Amino acid sequence: MIRTIALAVSAIALTVAAPASATELRVKVAGKSAEQIRTDIVKAASTVCWQDVRSESLAGYLYPACVRASVNDAVAKIKSPALTAYNTAQPVSGALIAAR
């Protein structure tokens, strides 16, 4: 059985009046280390967040906040102490903008 986690992501609308769209990607977690799972979650969050905020005038500010919130939410849903500890030790930086 392949275990997956649905990464539901929506852009954080700090000052944007229009509601953000929600997109979902599945990240396979079976047989992976905490580092591999988090890397996959960050990639998925990066992709989805950029799709959600790229047309916003404040995309440069919204994008990193969206990725951080999405990664932290997905990690919390998995409820793995090892993944939670690894995520805490590896904060998501603004450098992800170049990775999209």
Protein backbone atom coordinates (compact mmCIF):
# COMPACT_ATOMS: atom_id res chain seq x y z
CA MET A 1 0.00 0.00 0.00
CA ILE A 2 1.42 3.36 -0.99
CA ARG A 3 0.80 6.03 1.61
CA THR A 4 0.31 9.56 0.45
CA ILE A 5 -0.46 12.89 2.01
CA ALA A 6 -2.56 15.46 0.27
CA LEU A 7 -0.95 18.84 0.37
CA ALA A 8 -3.76 21.33 0.31
CA VAL A 9 -2.35 24.73 -0.28
CA SER A 10 -3.86 28.12 -0.60
CA ALA A 11 -2.02 31.38 -0.93
CA ILE A 12 -2.01 33.55 2.14
CA ALA A 13 -3.83 36.70 1.27
CA LEU A 14 -2.26 39.35 3.46
CA THR A 15 -3.92 42.33 1.87
CA VAL A 16 -5.49 40.80 -1.21
CA ALA A 17 -9.26 41.06 -1.26
CA ALA A 18 -9.91 38.21 -3.69
CA PRO A 19 -10.05 34.75 -2.14
CA ALA A 20 -7.10 32.49 -2.94
CA SER A 21 -7.67 29.33 -4.90
CA ALA A 22 -6.89 26.02 -3.26
CA THR A 23 -4.83 23.46 -5.12
CA GLU A 24 -3.91 19.98 -4.02
CA LEU A 25 -0.90 17.79 -4.80
CA ARG A 26 -0.18 14.34 -3.43
CA VAL A 27 3.21 13.54 -1.99
CA LYS A 28 4.15 9.89 -1.55
CA VAL A 29 5.71 9.22 1.85
CA ALA A 30 6.04 5.43 2.02
CA GLY A 31 9.62 4.23 2.44
CA LYS A 32 11.13 7.72 2.50
CA SER A 33 13.27 9.40 5.13
CA ALA A 34 12.15 12.57 6.88
CA GLU A 35 14.56 14.56 4.69
CA GLN A 36 13.15 13.07 1.47
CA ILE A 37 9.55 13.63 2.55
CA ARG A 38 10.19 17.24 3.51
CA THR A 39 12.03 17.89 0.26
CA ASP A 40 9.05 16.55 -1.70
CA ILE A 41 6.63 18.61 0.40
CA VAL A 42 8.67 21.78 -0.14
CA LYS A 43 8.76 21.17 -3.92
CA ALA A 44 5.00 20.59 -4.03
CA ALA A 45 4.28 23.65 -1.90
CA SER A 46 6.62 25.75 -4.02
CA THR A 47 4.85 24.74 -7.21
CA VAL A 48 1.34 25.24 -5.87
CA CYS A 49 2.08 28.50 -4.08
CA TRP A 50 3.71 30.04 -7.14
CA GLN A 51 0.69 29.10 -9.26
CA ASP A 52 -1.58 30.73 -6.69
CA VAL A 53 0.29 34.00 -6.16
CA ARG A 54 2.24 34.70 -9.36
CA SER A 55 -0.31 37.18 -10.68
CA GLU A 56 -0.54 39.12 -7.41
CA SER A 57 1.26 42.44 -7.08
CA LEU A 58 2.76 41.27 -3.76
CA ALA A 59 3.80 37.82 -5.05
CA GLY A 60 7.36 38.24 -3.78
CA TYR A 61 6.02 38.59 -0.24
CA LEU A 62 3.12 36.17 -0.47
CA TYR A 63 5.08 33.30 -1.98
CA PRO A 64 7.56 32.57 0.87
CA ALA A 65 4.81 32.91 3.48
CA CYS A 66 2.60 30.54 1.51
CA VAL A 67 5.37 27.94 1.18
CA ARG A 68 6.23 28.13 4.91
CA ALA A 69 2.61 27.79 5.98
CA SER A 70 1.92 24.97 3.52
CA VAL A 71 4.99 22.97 4.50
CA ASN A 72 4.29 23.37 8.21
CA ASP A 73 0.64 22.36 7.70
CA ALA A 74 1.56 19.25 5.68
CA VAL A 75 4.22 18.20 8.20
CA ALA A 76 1.73 18.58 11.05
CA LYS A 77 -0.80 16.40 9.21
CA ILE A 78 1.70 13.56 8.81
CA LYS A 79 2.23 13.42 12.61
CA SER A 80 5.76 12.01 12.40
CA PRO A 81 8.06 13.07 15.25
CA ALA A 82 11.14 12.61 13.04
CA LEU A 83 9.67 14.72 10.23
CA THR A 84 8.49 17.39 12.66
CA ALA A 85 11.97 17.62 14.21
CA TYR A 86 13.63 17.77 10.81
CA ASN A 87 11.21 20.44 9.60
CA THR A 88 11.87 22.55 12.69
CA ALA A 89 15.62 22.33 12.09
CA GLN A 90 15.28 23.27 8.40
CA PRO A 91 13.23 26.45 8.04
CA VAL A 92 11.98 27.34 4.57
CA SER A 93 13.77 30.40 3.24
CA GLY A 94 12.93 33.04 0.67
CA ALA A 95 15.51 31.42 -1.61
CA LEU A 96 12.74 29.14 -2.86
CA ILE A 97 11.66 31.80 -5.30
CA ALA A 98 14.61 30.86 -7.49
CA ALA A 99 13.67 27.17 -7.24
CA ARG A 100 10.24 27.43 -8.83
